[in-house]
Amino acid sequence: MSYRTIVNKVLRRLRESSVTADWIGDLAANAEVDEYAQLIGDFVNESKVSVEDAWKWTSLRSIVTVTTSAATNNYTITGATDRSKVLQVIDNTNDLVLQMMSDASFYDYEYVGDQTDSVPIYYRLNGTTIDFYPQPAGTYDIKLHVVTPQGDLTEAATELTVPELPVVLGAYALALTERGEDGGVGVGVVAARFDSTLSDAIVQDESRTVNETVWYAS
C-alpha cells in the first residue's frame, strides 16, 4: 500500500478531503498538499515506527554480509540504523554460529591478558557496527540476519513494508488526539482497535517463523 493511499485512508476516517494525485518529492515540503494532509503524513510515520518496533517483522529481514580482514575486529553493518536488530550471526567460512557477548565480557577479553587473532566465536553490537572476538586472523565471510525498519515515508508512491491496518489506525488515533474530538469514534476506541489489529498482525507474521516467541527456563 502506497504512502498516499495510507494518508487518504486516515483522512477519510476524519471526514477530510483526500489527496487526489501523487505529489512530487517529499510530502512535508510540497506546497500543493495542504498542511493538514502533511500533518497526517507525519502521524503515519509515527505510527509506522510504533508498528515496526513492536515485532521482528519478516518483511523487514535481510542477510547482510560482513567480510573480515586480518587484525581488524570492528565493522560497519551495511544499511543498518539505530533501530536495526541483529537476529543471528553466522561464520559462513568456518560453519560457526557466533554467540553474542556483553560489553563487560568483550572488554575483559579484549584488554586483559595477551590477545591472539583467530576465528571469531563471539560478537558484540555497538550502534550500527559489530565487533568480533577473537579478532579475525584472516578473511571470513560473516552473514548477519538483520531486521532493519523502513525509513520515513516521504514520496506518494512509496510502498509500506509492514502491515498497513495497524499503521492506519495508529495514525488515526494520533490525529484524533491532536484534534481533541471527532464527533464520532473516540480515541480510546480507536487505540483499542490499533492494539487489537497490531496483535493480530504479529500473530500472523509469527506463524511464518519457528519458536521465536517460545521462552525456555535457563
N, C-alpha and C. Protein backbone atom coordinates (compact mmCIF):
# COMPACT_ATOMS: atom_id res chain seq x y z
N MET A 1 0.85 -1.20 0.00
CA MET A 1 0.00 0.00 0.00
C MET A 1 0.88 1.24 0.00
N SER A 2 0.55 2.21 -0.88
CA SER A 2 1.38 3.40 -1.03
C SER A 2 1.15 4.40 0.10
N TYR A 3 2.11 5.29 0.25
CA TYR A 3 2.03 6.34 1.27
C TYR A 3 0.78 7.19 1.06
N ARG A 4 0.49 7.58 -0.19
CA ARG A 4 -0.70 8.41 -0.44
C ARG A 4 -1.97 7.67 -0.07
N THR A 5 -2.05 6.39 -0.36
CA THR A 5 -3.23 5.60 -0.03
C THR A 5 -3.45 5.56 1.48
N ILE A 6 -2.36 5.38 2.22
CA ILE A 6 -2.47 5.34 3.69
C ILE A 6 -2.93 6.69 4.23
N VAL A 7 -2.32 7.77 3.74
CA VAL A 7 -2.72 9.12 4.17
C VAL A 7 -4.20 9.33 3.90
N ASN A 8 -4.67 8.91 2.72
CA ASN A 8 -6.07 9.10 2.36
C ASN A 8 -7.01 8.26 3.22
N LYS A 9 -6.58 7.07 3.60
CA LYS A 9 -7.42 6.24 4.48
C LYS A 9 -7.63 6.93 5.83
N VAL A 10 -6.59 7.58 6.33
CA VAL A 10 -6.72 8.31 7.59
C VAL A 10 -7.60 9.54 7.39
N LEU A 11 -7.38 10.27 6.30
CA LEU A 11 -8.18 11.48 6.04
C LEU A 11 -9.66 11.15 5.92
N ARG A 12 -10.01 10.05 5.26
CA ARG A 12 -11.42 9.68 5.11
C ARG A 12 -12.05 9.37 6.46
N ARG A 13 -11.29 8.71 7.34
CA ARG A 13 -11.82 8.43 8.68
C ARG A 13 -12.09 9.72 9.46
N LEU A 14 -11.34 10.75 9.13
CA LEU A 14 -11.52 12.06 9.78
C LEU A 14 -12.54 12.92 9.04
N ARG A 15 -13.11 12.35 7.93
CA ARG A 15 -14.06 13.06 7.08
C ARG A 15 -13.45 14.32 6.48
N GLU A 16 -12.20 14.17 6.08
CA GLU A 16 -11.47 15.24 5.40
C GLU A 16 -11.28 14.86 3.93
N SER A 17 -11.01 15.84 3.10
CA SER A 17 -10.80 15.59 1.67
C SER A 17 -9.52 14.80 1.44
N SER A 18 -9.58 13.89 0.48
CA SER A 18 -8.42 13.08 0.14
C SER A 18 -7.45 13.85 -0.73
N VAL A 19 -6.21 13.36 -0.76
CA VAL A 19 -5.21 13.88 -1.69
C VAL A 19 -5.46 13.18 -3.01
N THR A 20 -5.83 13.92 -4.04
CA THR A 20 -6.34 13.31 -5.27
C THR A 20 -5.27 12.86 -6.25
N ALA A 21 -4.04 13.31 -6.08
CA ALA A 21 -2.98 12.93 -7.04
C ALA A 21 -1.66 12.79 -6.30
N ASP A 22 -0.78 11.99 -6.87
CA ASP A 22 0.55 11.83 -6.29
C ASP A 22 1.30 13.15 -6.30
N TRP A 23 1.94 13.46 -5.19
CA TRP A 23 2.78 14.64 -5.12
C TRP A 23 4.19 14.29 -5.59
N ILE A 24 4.99 15.28 -5.84
CA ILE A 24 6.36 15.09 -6.29
C ILE A 24 7.30 15.37 -5.13
N GLY A 25 8.20 14.43 -4.83
CA GLY A 25 9.19 14.63 -3.79
C GLY A 25 8.63 14.42 -2.40
N ASP A 26 9.19 15.14 -1.43
CA ASP A 26 8.86 14.99 -0.02
C ASP A 26 7.52 15.66 0.28
N LEU A 27 6.60 14.90 0.91
CA LEU A 27 5.29 15.44 1.25
C LEU A 27 5.39 16.69 2.11
N ALA A 28 6.28 16.68 3.10
CA ALA A 28 6.39 17.80 4.04
C ALA A 28 6.85 19.09 3.38
N ALA A 29 7.45 18.98 2.20
CA ALA A 29 7.97 20.17 1.52
C ALA A 29 7.17 20.51 0.26
N ASN A 30 5.97 19.91 0.14
CA ASN A 30 5.20 20.09 -1.09
C ASN A 30 4.09 21.12 -0.87
N ALA A 31 4.17 22.23 -1.58
CA ALA A 31 3.21 23.32 -1.41
C ALA A 31 1.85 22.98 -2.00
N GLU A 32 1.74 21.93 -2.83
CA GLU A 32 0.47 21.60 -3.47
C GLU A 32 -0.41 20.73 -2.56
N VAL A 33 0.14 20.25 -1.45
CA VAL A 33 -0.63 19.44 -0.50
C VAL A 33 -0.88 20.28 0.74
N ASP A 34 -2.13 20.32 1.22
CA ASP A 34 -2.44 21.21 2.34
C ASP A 34 -1.76 20.74 3.62
N GLU A 35 -1.66 21.67 4.57
CA GLU A 35 -0.89 21.42 5.79
C GLU A 35 -1.50 20.30 6.64
N TYR A 36 -2.81 20.15 6.60
CA TYR A 36 -3.41 19.09 7.42
C TYR A 36 -3.05 17.72 6.86
N ALA A 37 -3.06 17.56 5.56
CA ALA A 37 -2.65 16.30 4.96
C ALA A 37 -1.18 16.01 5.27
N GLN A 38 -0.36 17.05 5.29
CA GLN A 38 1.04 16.88 5.66
C GLN A 38 1.16 16.42 7.11
N LEU A 39 0.33 16.98 7.99
CA LEU A 39 0.33 16.56 9.39
C LEU A 39 -0.06 15.09 9.50
N ILE A 40 -1.06 14.66 8.73
CA ILE A 40 -1.46 13.25 8.73
C ILE A 40 -0.30 12.39 8.24
N GLY A 41 0.45 12.90 7.28
CA GLY A 41 1.63 12.17 6.82
C GLY A 41 2.64 11.96 7.93
N ASP A 42 2.80 12.98 8.79
CA ASP A 42 3.69 12.84 9.95
C ASP A 42 3.16 11.77 10.91
N PHE A 43 1.84 11.79 11.15
CA PHE A 43 1.25 10.80 12.04
C PHE A 43 1.40 9.38 11.48
N VAL A 44 1.32 9.25 10.17
CA VAL A 44 1.52 7.93 9.54
C VAL A 44 2.92 7.42 9.84
N ASN A 45 3.90 8.29 9.72
CA ASN A 45 5.28 7.86 10.00
C ASN A 45 5.49 7.54 11.48
N GLU A 46 4.86 8.31 12.37
CA GLU A 46 4.96 7.99 13.80
C GLU A 46 4.34 6.64 14.10
N SER A 47 3.18 6.38 13.51
CA SER A 47 2.51 5.09 13.71
C SER A 47 3.33 3.95 13.12
N LYS A 48 3.94 4.20 11.97
CA LYS A 48 4.78 3.19 11.32
C LYS A 48 5.93 2.77 12.23
N VAL A 49 6.55 3.74 12.89
CA VAL A 49 7.64 3.43 13.81
C VAL A 49 7.15 2.53 14.95
N SER A 50 5.99 2.86 15.50
CA SER A 50 5.43 2.05 16.60
C SER A 50 5.18 0.62 16.15
N VAL A 51 4.63 0.46 14.96
CA VAL A 51 4.34 -0.88 14.44
C VAL A 51 5.64 -1.64 14.16
N GLU A 52 6.59 -0.98 13.54
CA GLU A 52 7.86 -1.64 13.21
C GLU A 52 8.59 -2.11 14.46
N ASP A 53 8.56 -1.29 15.51
CA ASP A 53 9.30 -1.62 16.73
C ASP A 53 8.60 -2.66 17.60
N ALA A 54 7.36 -2.99 17.26
CA ALA A 54 6.60 -3.93 18.07
C ALA A 54 6.96 -5.39 17.82
N TRP A 55 7.65 -5.68 16.70
CA TRP A 55 7.91 -7.07 16.33
C TRP A 55 9.02 -7.13 15.30
N LYS A 56 9.64 -8.29 15.20
CA LYS A 56 10.72 -8.51 14.22
C LYS A 56 10.09 -8.97 12.90
N TRP A 57 9.47 -8.06 12.19
CA TRP A 57 8.68 -8.40 11.01
C TRP A 57 9.52 -9.10 9.95
N THR A 58 8.97 -10.17 9.39
CA THR A 58 9.70 -10.91 8.36
C THR A 58 9.94 -10.06 7.11
N SER A 59 9.05 -9.10 6.86
CA SER A 59 9.20 -8.24 5.68
C SER A 59 10.36 -7.27 5.82
N LEU A 60 10.89 -7.11 7.03
CA LEU A 60 12.00 -6.18 7.26
C LEU A 60 13.33 -6.91 7.41
N ARG A 61 13.32 -8.23 7.24
CA ARG A 61 14.53 -9.02 7.46
C ARG A 61 15.36 -9.16 6.18
N SER A 62 16.66 -9.21 6.37
CA SER A 62 17.57 -9.41 5.24
C SER A 62 18.87 -10.00 5.76
N ILE A 63 19.68 -10.50 4.83
CA ILE A 63 21.01 -11.00 5.15
C ILE A 63 22.04 -9.97 4.73
N VAL A 64 22.86 -9.55 5.68
CA VAL A 64 23.94 -8.59 5.40
C VAL A 64 25.26 -9.33 5.54
N THR A 65 26.14 -9.15 4.58
CA THR A 65 27.44 -9.82 4.59
C THR A 65 28.52 -8.88 5.11
N VAL A 66 29.30 -9.39 6.05
CA VAL A 66 30.49 -8.68 6.54
C VAL A 66 31.70 -9.53 6.18
N THR A 67 32.63 -8.97 5.45
CA THR A 67 33.86 -9.68 5.08
C THR A 67 34.99 -9.16 5.96
N THR A 68 35.53 -10.03 6.77
CA THR A 68 36.55 -9.60 7.72
C THR A 68 37.93 -9.47 7.07
N SER A 69 38.78 -8.76 7.77
CA SER A 69 40.19 -8.64 7.39
C SER A 69 41.05 -8.99 8.59
N ALA A 70 42.23 -9.49 8.35
CA ALA A 70 43.13 -9.84 9.45
C ALA A 70 43.42 -8.63 10.32
N ALA A 71 43.42 -8.86 11.63
CA ALA A 71 43.78 -7.85 12.62
C ALA A 71 42.81 -6.67 12.70
N THR A 72 41.56 -6.88 12.29
CA THR A 72 40.53 -5.85 12.40
C THR A 72 39.29 -6.49 13.00
N ASN A 73 38.79 -5.91 14.10
CA ASN A 73 37.64 -6.55 14.75
C ASN A 73 36.36 -5.73 14.70
N ASN A 74 36.38 -4.51 14.18
CA ASN A 74 35.19 -3.67 14.14
C ASN A 74 34.76 -3.42 12.69
N TYR A 75 33.44 -3.62 12.41
CA TYR A 75 32.94 -3.50 11.05
C TYR A 75 31.58 -2.81 11.04
N THR A 76 31.32 -2.04 10.00
CA THR A 76 30.03 -1.39 9.82
C THR A 76 29.02 -2.39 9.25
N ILE A 77 27.81 -2.37 9.80
CA ILE A 77 26.73 -3.21 9.28
C ILE A 77 26.02 -2.41 8.19
N THR A 78 26.21 -2.81 6.94
CA THR A 78 25.68 -2.07 5.80
C THR A 78 24.16 -1.92 5.88
N GLY A 79 23.70 -0.68 5.75
CA GLY A 79 22.27 -0.42 5.72
C GLY A 79 21.60 -0.36 7.08
N ALA A 80 22.34 -0.63 8.15
CA ALA A 80 21.75 -0.65 9.49
C ALA A 80 21.49 0.76 9.98
N THR A 81 20.49 0.88 10.87
CA THR A 81 20.19 2.13 11.54
C THR A 81 20.21 1.87 13.04
N ASP A 82 19.98 2.92 13.82
CA ASP A 82 19.97 2.73 15.27
C ASP A 82 18.76 1.94 15.75
N ARG A 83 17.83 1.64 14.84
CA ARG A 83 16.67 0.82 15.19
C ARG A 83 16.77 -0.61 14.66
N SER A 84 17.88 -0.94 14.02
CA SER A 84 18.06 -2.29 13.48
C SER A 84 18.28 -3.30 14.60
N LYS A 85 17.90 -4.54 14.33
CA LYS A 85 18.13 -5.64 15.27
C LYS A 85 18.86 -6.76 14.54
N VAL A 86 19.86 -7.34 15.18
CA VAL A 86 20.59 -8.48 14.61
C VAL A 86 20.06 -9.74 15.27
N LEU A 87 19.51 -10.64 14.47
CA LEU A 87 18.91 -11.86 15.00
C LEU A 87 19.90 -13.01 15.09
N GLN A 88 20.85 -13.05 14.18
CA GLN A 88 21.78 -14.18 14.15
C GLN A 88 23.04 -13.78 13.39
N VAL A 89 24.17 -14.34 13.82
CA VAL A 89 25.44 -14.08 13.15
C VAL A 89 26.10 -15.43 12.87
N ILE A 90 26.41 -15.67 11.60
CA ILE A 90 26.95 -16.96 11.16
C ILE A 90 28.26 -16.74 10.40
N ASP A 91 29.27 -17.49 10.78
CA ASP A 91 30.53 -17.51 10.04
C ASP A 91 30.38 -18.54 8.92
N ASN A 92 30.11 -18.06 7.72
CA ASN A 92 29.86 -18.94 6.58
C ASN A 92 31.13 -19.65 6.12
N THR A 93 32.29 -19.07 6.44
CA THR A 93 33.56 -19.68 6.03
C THR A 93 33.90 -20.88 6.90
N ASN A 94 33.66 -20.75 8.19
CA ASN A 94 34.05 -21.80 9.14
C ASN A 94 32.87 -22.58 9.72
N ASP A 95 31.66 -22.33 9.17
CA ASP A 95 30.45 -23.05 9.61
C ASP A 95 30.23 -22.94 11.11
N LEU A 96 30.24 -21.71 11.60
CA LEU A 96 30.05 -21.46 13.03
C LEU A 96 28.91 -20.47 13.24
N VAL A 97 28.14 -20.68 14.30
CA VAL A 97 27.16 -19.71 14.74
C VAL A 97 27.79 -18.93 15.89
N LEU A 98 27.99 -17.63 15.70
CA LEU A 98 28.63 -16.82 16.73
C LEU A 98 27.63 -16.46 17.82
N GLN A 99 28.14 -16.34 19.06
CA GLN A 99 27.33 -16.00 20.21
C GLN A 99 27.54 -14.54 20.59
N MET A 100 26.47 -13.89 21.00
CA MET A 100 26.58 -12.50 21.44
C MET A 100 27.18 -12.44 22.83
N MET A 101 28.03 -11.44 23.06
CA MET A 101 28.65 -11.28 24.37
C MET A 101 28.36 -9.88 24.90
N SER A 102 28.42 -9.74 26.21
CA SER A 102 28.17 -8.44 26.84
C SER A 102 29.36 -7.51 26.63
N ASP A 103 29.13 -6.22 26.84
CA ASP A 103 30.22 -5.25 26.75
C ASP A 103 31.31 -5.57 27.77
N ALA A 104 30.90 -5.92 28.99
CA ALA A 104 31.88 -6.22 30.05
C ALA A 104 32.76 -7.39 29.66
N SER A 105 32.16 -8.46 29.12
CA SER A 105 32.95 -9.63 28.72
C SER A 105 33.88 -9.29 27.56
N PHE A 106 33.36 -8.48 26.61
CA PHE A 106 34.18 -8.10 25.46
C PHE A 106 35.42 -7.34 25.91
N TYR A 107 35.23 -6.38 26.80
CA TYR A 107 36.37 -5.59 27.26
C TYR A 107 37.33 -6.44 28.09
N ASP A 108 36.81 -7.38 28.87
CA ASP A 108 37.69 -8.29 29.63
C ASP A 108 38.58 -9.08 28.68
N TYR A 109 37.97 -9.67 27.68
CA TYR A 109 38.74 -10.48 26.72
C TYR A 109 39.69 -9.61 25.89
N GLU A 110 39.21 -8.41 25.53
CA GLU A 110 39.98 -7.57 24.61
C GLU A 110 41.20 -6.93 25.28
N TYR A 111 41.08 -6.57 26.55
CA TYR A 111 42.13 -5.77 27.17
C TYR A 111 42.86 -6.44 28.33
N VAL A 112 42.36 -7.57 28.81
CA VAL A 112 43.04 -8.26 29.91
C VAL A 112 43.83 -9.44 29.36
N GLY A 113 45.13 -9.42 29.58
CA GLY A 113 45.97 -10.51 29.10
C GLY A 113 46.35 -10.36 27.64
N ASP A 114 47.08 -11.35 27.15
CA ASP A 114 47.53 -11.34 25.75
C ASP A 114 46.40 -11.80 24.83
N GLN A 115 46.34 -11.16 23.65
CA GLN A 115 45.30 -11.49 22.68
C GLN A 115 45.92 -12.20 21.49
N THR A 116 45.22 -13.22 21.00
CA THR A 116 45.67 -13.97 19.83
C THR A 116 44.59 -13.91 18.76
N ASP A 117 44.96 -13.45 17.56
CA ASP A 117 43.99 -13.42 16.47
C ASP A 117 43.63 -14.85 16.08
N SER A 118 42.34 -15.05 15.76
CA SER A 118 41.88 -16.40 15.44
C SER A 118 40.53 -16.31 14.73
N VAL A 119 39.82 -17.43 14.68
CA VAL A 119 38.47 -17.46 14.12
C VAL A 119 37.51 -16.91 15.18
N PRO A 120 36.73 -15.88 14.87
CA PRO A 120 35.82 -15.31 15.87
C PRO A 120 34.75 -16.32 16.31
N ILE A 121 34.42 -16.28 17.60
CA ILE A 121 33.33 -17.10 18.11
C ILE A 121 32.29 -16.27 18.85
N TYR A 122 32.61 -14.99 19.10
CA TYR A 122 31.69 -14.08 19.76
C TYR A 122 31.55 -12.80 18.95
N TYR A 123 30.44 -12.10 19.18
CA TYR A 123 30.27 -10.78 18.60
C TYR A 123 29.63 -9.85 19.61
N ARG A 124 29.85 -8.55 19.39
CA ARG A 124 29.25 -7.50 20.23
C ARG A 124 28.72 -6.42 19.31
N LEU A 125 27.51 -5.93 19.60
CA LEU A 125 26.91 -4.87 18.79
C LEU A 125 27.16 -3.52 19.44
N ASN A 126 27.47 -2.54 18.60
CA ASN A 126 27.73 -1.18 19.08
C ASN A 126 27.14 -0.21 18.07
N GLY A 127 25.85 0.14 18.28
CA GLY A 127 25.17 1.00 17.31
C GLY A 127 24.99 0.29 15.99
N THR A 128 25.55 0.84 14.95
CA THR A 128 25.45 0.23 13.62
C THR A 128 26.73 -0.50 13.22
N THR A 129 27.54 -0.85 14.21
CA THR A 129 28.76 -1.61 13.94
C THR A 129 28.75 -2.90 14.76
N ILE A 130 29.62 -3.81 14.38
CA ILE A 130 29.74 -5.10 15.07
C ILE A 130 31.22 -5.38 15.33
N ASP A 131 31.52 -5.86 16.53
CA ASP A 131 32.88 -6.26 16.91
C ASP A 131 32.93 -7.77 17.03
N PHE A 132 34.07 -8.35 16.67
CA PHE A 132 34.25 -9.80 16.78
C PHE A 132 35.36 -10.12 17.77
N TYR A 133 35.19 -11.25 18.45
CA TYR A 133 36.23 -11.77 19.33
C TYR A 133 36.29 -13.28 19.18
N PRO A 134 37.50 -13.85 19.07
CA PRO A 134 38.79 -13.17 18.93
C PRO A 134 38.84 -12.31 17.65
N GLN A 135 39.78 -11.39 17.64
CA GLN A 135 39.98 -10.58 16.46
C GLN A 135 40.29 -11.48 15.28
N PRO A 136 39.63 -11.29 14.12
CA PRO A 136 39.84 -12.20 12.99
C PRO A 136 41.30 -12.30 12.56
N ALA A 137 41.68 -13.53 12.23
CA ALA A 137 43.05 -13.78 11.78
C ALA A 137 43.17 -13.75 10.27
N GLY A 138 42.03 -13.62 9.60
CA GLY A 138 42.06 -13.63 8.14
C GLY A 138 40.73 -13.15 7.57
N THR A 139 40.48 -13.53 6.33
CA THR A 139 39.26 -13.13 5.63
C THR A 139 38.19 -14.20 5.82
N TYR A 140 37.08 -13.80 6.46
CA TYR A 140 35.97 -14.71 6.72
C TYR A 140 34.68 -14.07 6.21
N ASP A 141 33.80 -14.91 5.70
CA ASP A 141 32.51 -14.47 5.18
C ASP A 141 31.47 -14.61 6.30
N ILE A 142 31.09 -13.47 6.91
CA ILE A 142 30.17 -13.48 8.04
C ILE A 142 28.79 -13.01 7.58
N LYS A 143 27.77 -13.80 7.87
CA LYS A 143 26.40 -13.47 7.49
C LYS A 143 25.62 -13.00 8.71
N LEU A 144 24.98 -11.84 8.60
CA LEU A 144 24.17 -11.28 9.67
C LEU A 144 22.70 -11.30 9.24
N HIS A 145 21.86 -11.90 10.07
CA HIS A 145 20.41 -11.87 9.84
C HIS A 145 19.88 -10.63 10.56
N VAL A 146 19.47 -9.63 9.79
CA VAL A 146 19.19 -8.31 10.35
C VAL A 146 17.75 -7.88 10.07
N VAL A 147 17.14 -7.25 11.06
CA VAL A 147 15.84 -6.59 10.89
C VAL A 147 16.11 -5.08 10.83
N THR A 148 15.80 -4.46 9.70
CA THR A 148 16.02 -3.03 9.55
C THR A 148 14.73 -2.34 9.14
N PRO A 149 14.18 -1.47 10.00
CA PRO A 149 12.94 -0.77 9.66
C PRO A 149 13.10 0.11 8.42
N GLN A 150 11.98 0.31 7.75
CA GLN A 150 11.94 1.18 6.59
C GLN A 150 12.13 2.63 7.03
N GLY A 151 12.78 3.42 6.20
CA GLY A 151 12.93 4.84 6.50
C GLY A 151 11.59 5.56 6.45
N ASP A 152 11.56 6.82 6.91
CA ASP A 152 10.33 7.59 6.87
C ASP A 152 9.76 7.63 5.45
N LEU A 153 8.45 7.49 5.35
CA LEU A 153 7.77 7.63 4.07
C LEU A 153 7.73 9.11 3.71
N THR A 154 8.08 9.44 2.47
CA THR A 154 8.06 10.83 2.01
C THR A 154 7.35 10.97 0.68
N GLU A 155 7.62 10.08 -0.26
CA GLU A 155 7.06 10.19 -1.61
C GLU A 155 5.74 9.42 -1.71
N ALA A 156 4.85 9.93 -2.54
CA ALA A 156 3.49 9.40 -2.63
C ALA A 156 3.42 7.92 -2.97
N ALA A 157 4.28 7.47 -3.88
CA ALA A 157 4.17 6.11 -4.39
C ALA A 157 4.96 5.08 -3.58
N THR A 158 5.70 5.52 -2.55
CA THR A 158 6.48 4.58 -1.74
C THR A 158 5.56 3.59 -1.06
N GLU A 159 5.90 2.31 -1.15
CA GLU A 159 5.08 1.25 -0.58
C GLU A 159 5.49 0.95 0.86
N LEU A 160 4.52 0.82 1.74
CA LEU A 160 4.76 0.43 3.12
C LEU A 160 5.13 -1.04 3.17
N THR A 161 6.07 -1.40 4.05
CA THR A 161 6.55 -2.78 4.09
C THR A 161 6.05 -3.57 5.30
N VAL A 162 5.37 -2.92 6.24
CA VAL A 162 4.77 -3.64 7.37
C VAL A 162 3.25 -3.61 7.18
N PRO A 163 2.49 -4.40 7.96
CA PRO A 163 1.03 -4.42 7.79
C PRO A 163 0.41 -3.02 7.88
N GLU A 164 -0.47 -2.72 6.92
CA GLU A 164 -0.96 -1.35 6.80
C GLU A 164 -2.07 -0.98 7.80
N LEU A 165 -2.95 -1.92 8.17
CA LEU A 165 -4.08 -1.54 9.01
C LEU A 165 -3.65 -1.00 10.38
N PRO A 166 -2.71 -1.63 11.08
CA PRO A 166 -2.26 -1.02 12.34
C PRO A 166 -1.67 0.38 12.14
N VAL A 167 -0.97 0.58 11.03
CA VAL A 167 -0.38 1.90 10.77
C VAL A 167 -1.49 2.93 10.55
N VAL A 168 -2.51 2.56 9.79
CA VAL A 168 -3.63 3.47 9.54
C VAL A 168 -4.33 3.83 10.85
N LEU A 169 -4.65 2.81 11.66
CA LEU A 169 -5.37 3.05 12.90
C LEU A 169 -4.52 3.83 13.91
N GLY A 170 -3.23 3.55 13.94
CA GLY A 170 -2.35 4.30 14.83
C GLY A 170 -2.30 5.77 14.45
N ALA A 171 -2.21 6.05 13.15
CA ALA A 171 -2.20 7.44 12.69
C ALA A 171 -3.54 8.12 12.96
N TYR A 172 -4.62 7.36 12.79
CA TYR A 172 -5.97 7.90 13.07
C TYR A 172 -6.09 8.28 14.55
N ALA A 173 -5.60 7.42 15.43
CA ALA A 173 -5.65 7.71 16.87
C ALA A 173 -4.84 8.96 17.20
N LEU A 174 -3.69 9.11 16.59
CA LEU A 174 -2.87 10.31 16.82
C LEU A 174 -3.58 11.56 16.32
N ALA A 175 -4.26 11.44 15.18
CA ALA A 175 -4.98 12.58 14.63
C ALA A 175 -6.16 12.97 15.52
N LEU A 176 -6.86 11.98 16.05
CA LEU A 176 -7.97 12.27 16.96
C LEU A 176 -7.46 12.94 18.24
N THR A 177 -6.32 12.48 18.73
CA THR A 177 -5.75 13.10 19.92
C THR A 177 -5.39 14.56 19.66
N GLU A 178 -4.82 14.83 18.50
CA GLU A 178 -4.43 16.20 18.15
C GLU A 178 -5.65 17.08 17.96
N ARG A 179 -6.70 16.52 17.38
CA ARG A 179 -7.91 17.30 17.09
C ARG A 179 -8.72 17.56 18.35
N GLY A 180 -8.67 16.63 19.29
CA GLY A 180 -9.39 16.80 20.55
C GLY A 180 -10.71 16.09 20.58
N GLU A 181 -11.41 16.06 19.47
CA GLU A 181 -12.67 15.31 19.36
C GLU A 181 -13.00 15.17 17.88
N ASP A 182 -13.86 14.20 17.58
CA ASP A 182 -14.19 13.96 16.18
C ASP A 182 -15.69 13.87 15.96
N GLY A 183 -16.46 14.03 17.04
CA GLY A 183 -17.90 13.94 16.90
C GLY A 183 -18.39 12.54 16.58
N GLY A 184 -17.50 11.57 16.69
CA GLY A 184 -17.87 10.20 16.38
C GLY A 184 -17.10 9.23 17.24
N VAL A 185 -16.23 8.46 16.61
CA VAL A 185 -15.45 7.46 17.32
C VAL A 185 -14.46 8.13 18.26
N GLY A 186 -14.38 7.65 19.52
CA GLY A 186 -13.45 8.22 20.49
C GLY A 186 -12.05 7.68 20.32
N VAL A 187 -11.08 8.41 20.88
CA VAL A 187 -9.68 8.00 20.78
C VAL A 187 -9.47 6.63 21.42
N GLY A 188 -10.10 6.40 22.57
CA GLY A 188 -9.91 5.13 23.26
C GLY A 188 -10.35 3.94 22.44
N VAL A 189 -11.45 4.09 21.71
CA VAL A 189 -11.95 3.01 20.85
C VAL A 189 -10.95 2.72 19.73
N VAL A 190 -10.45 3.78 19.11
CA VAL A 190 -9.50 3.61 18.00
C VAL A 190 -8.19 3.02 18.52
N ALA A 191 -7.74 3.48 19.68
CA ALA A 191 -6.50 2.95 20.26
C ALA A 191 -6.64 1.46 20.56
N ALA A 192 -7.81 1.06 21.05
CA ALA A 192 -8.04 -0.37 21.32
C ALA A 192 -8.04 -1.17 20.03
N ARG A 193 -8.63 -0.60 18.98
CA ARG A 193 -8.61 -1.28 17.67
C ARG A 193 -7.19 -1.39 17.14
N PHE A 194 -6.40 -0.33 17.35
CA PHE A 194 -4.99 -0.38 16.94
C PHE A 194 -4.27 -1.52 17.64
N ASP A 195 -4.42 -1.61 18.97
CA ASP A 195 -3.76 -2.67 19.73
C ASP A 195 -4.19 -4.05 19.24
N SER A 196 -5.48 -4.20 18.97
CA SER A 196 -6.01 -5.50 18.54
C SER A 196 -5.49 -5.90 17.16
N THR A 197 -5.51 -4.96 16.21
CA THR A 197 -5.03 -5.28 14.86
C THR A 197 -3.53 -5.50 14.84
N LEU A 198 -2.80 -4.76 15.67
CA LEU A 198 -1.35 -4.97 15.74
C LEU A 198 -1.05 -6.36 16.30
N SER A 199 -1.76 -6.74 17.36
CA SER A 199 -1.57 -8.07 17.94
C SER A 199 -1.89 -9.16 16.93
N ASP A 200 -2.97 -9.00 16.19
CA ASP A 200 -3.35 -9.99 15.17
C ASP A 200 -2.29 -10.09 14.07
N ALA A 201 -1.76 -8.94 13.67
CA ALA A 201 -0.74 -8.93 12.61
C ALA A 201 0.54 -9.62 13.08
N ILE A 202 0.90 -9.40 14.34
CA ILE A 202 2.09 -10.06 14.88
C ILE A 202 1.90 -11.57 14.92
N VAL A 203 0.73 -12.01 15.36
CA VAL A 203 0.44 -13.45 15.41
C VAL A 203 0.55 -14.06 14.01
N GLN A 204 -0.01 -13.36 13.02
CA GLN A 204 0.04 -13.87 11.64
C GLN A 204 1.48 -13.94 11.14
N ASP A 205 2.27 -12.90 11.41
CA ASP A 205 3.65 -12.89 10.94
C ASP A 205 4.50 -13.90 11.70
N GLU A 206 4.21 -14.07 12.99
CA GLU A 206 4.96 -15.04 13.80
C GLU A 206 4.76 -16.45 13.29
N SER A 207 3.60 -16.72 12.66
CA SER A 207 3.34 -18.05 12.12
C SER A 207 4.26 -18.40 10.95
N ARG A 208 4.94 -17.40 10.41
CA ARG A 208 5.89 -17.63 9.33
C ARG A 208 7.28 -17.98 9.86
N THR A 209 7.45 -17.97 11.19
CA THR A 209 8.72 -18.29 11.82
C THR A 209 8.56 -19.50 12.72
N VAL A 210 9.64 -19.94 13.34
CA VAL A 210 9.61 -21.10 14.22
C VAL A 210 10.25 -20.74 15.56
N ASN A 211 9.49 -20.92 16.64
CA ASN A 211 9.99 -20.79 18.02
C ASN A 211 10.55 -19.42 18.37
N GLU A 212 10.12 -18.37 17.69
CA GLU A 212 10.66 -17.04 18.00
C GLU A 212 9.93 -16.37 19.17
N THR A 213 8.80 -16.93 19.58
CA THR A 213 8.11 -16.39 20.75
C THR A 213 7.99 -17.45 21.84
N VAL A 214 8.85 -18.49 21.76
CA VAL A 214 8.86 -19.54 22.78
C VAL A 214 9.99 -19.24 23.74
N TRP A 215 9.68 -19.21 25.04
CA TRP A 215 10.67 -18.93 26.07
C TRP A 215 10.99 -20.20 26.84
N TYR A 216 12.26 -20.40 27.15
CA TYR A 216 12.70 -21.57 27.90
C TYR A 216 13.35 -21.14 29.21
N ALA A 217 13.09 -21.90 30.28
CA ALA A 217 13.75 -21.64 31.56
C ALA A 217 15.21 -22.00 31.46
N SER A 218 16.07 -21.16 32.02
CA SER A 218 17.51 -21.43 31.96
C SER A 218 18.05 -21.76 33.34
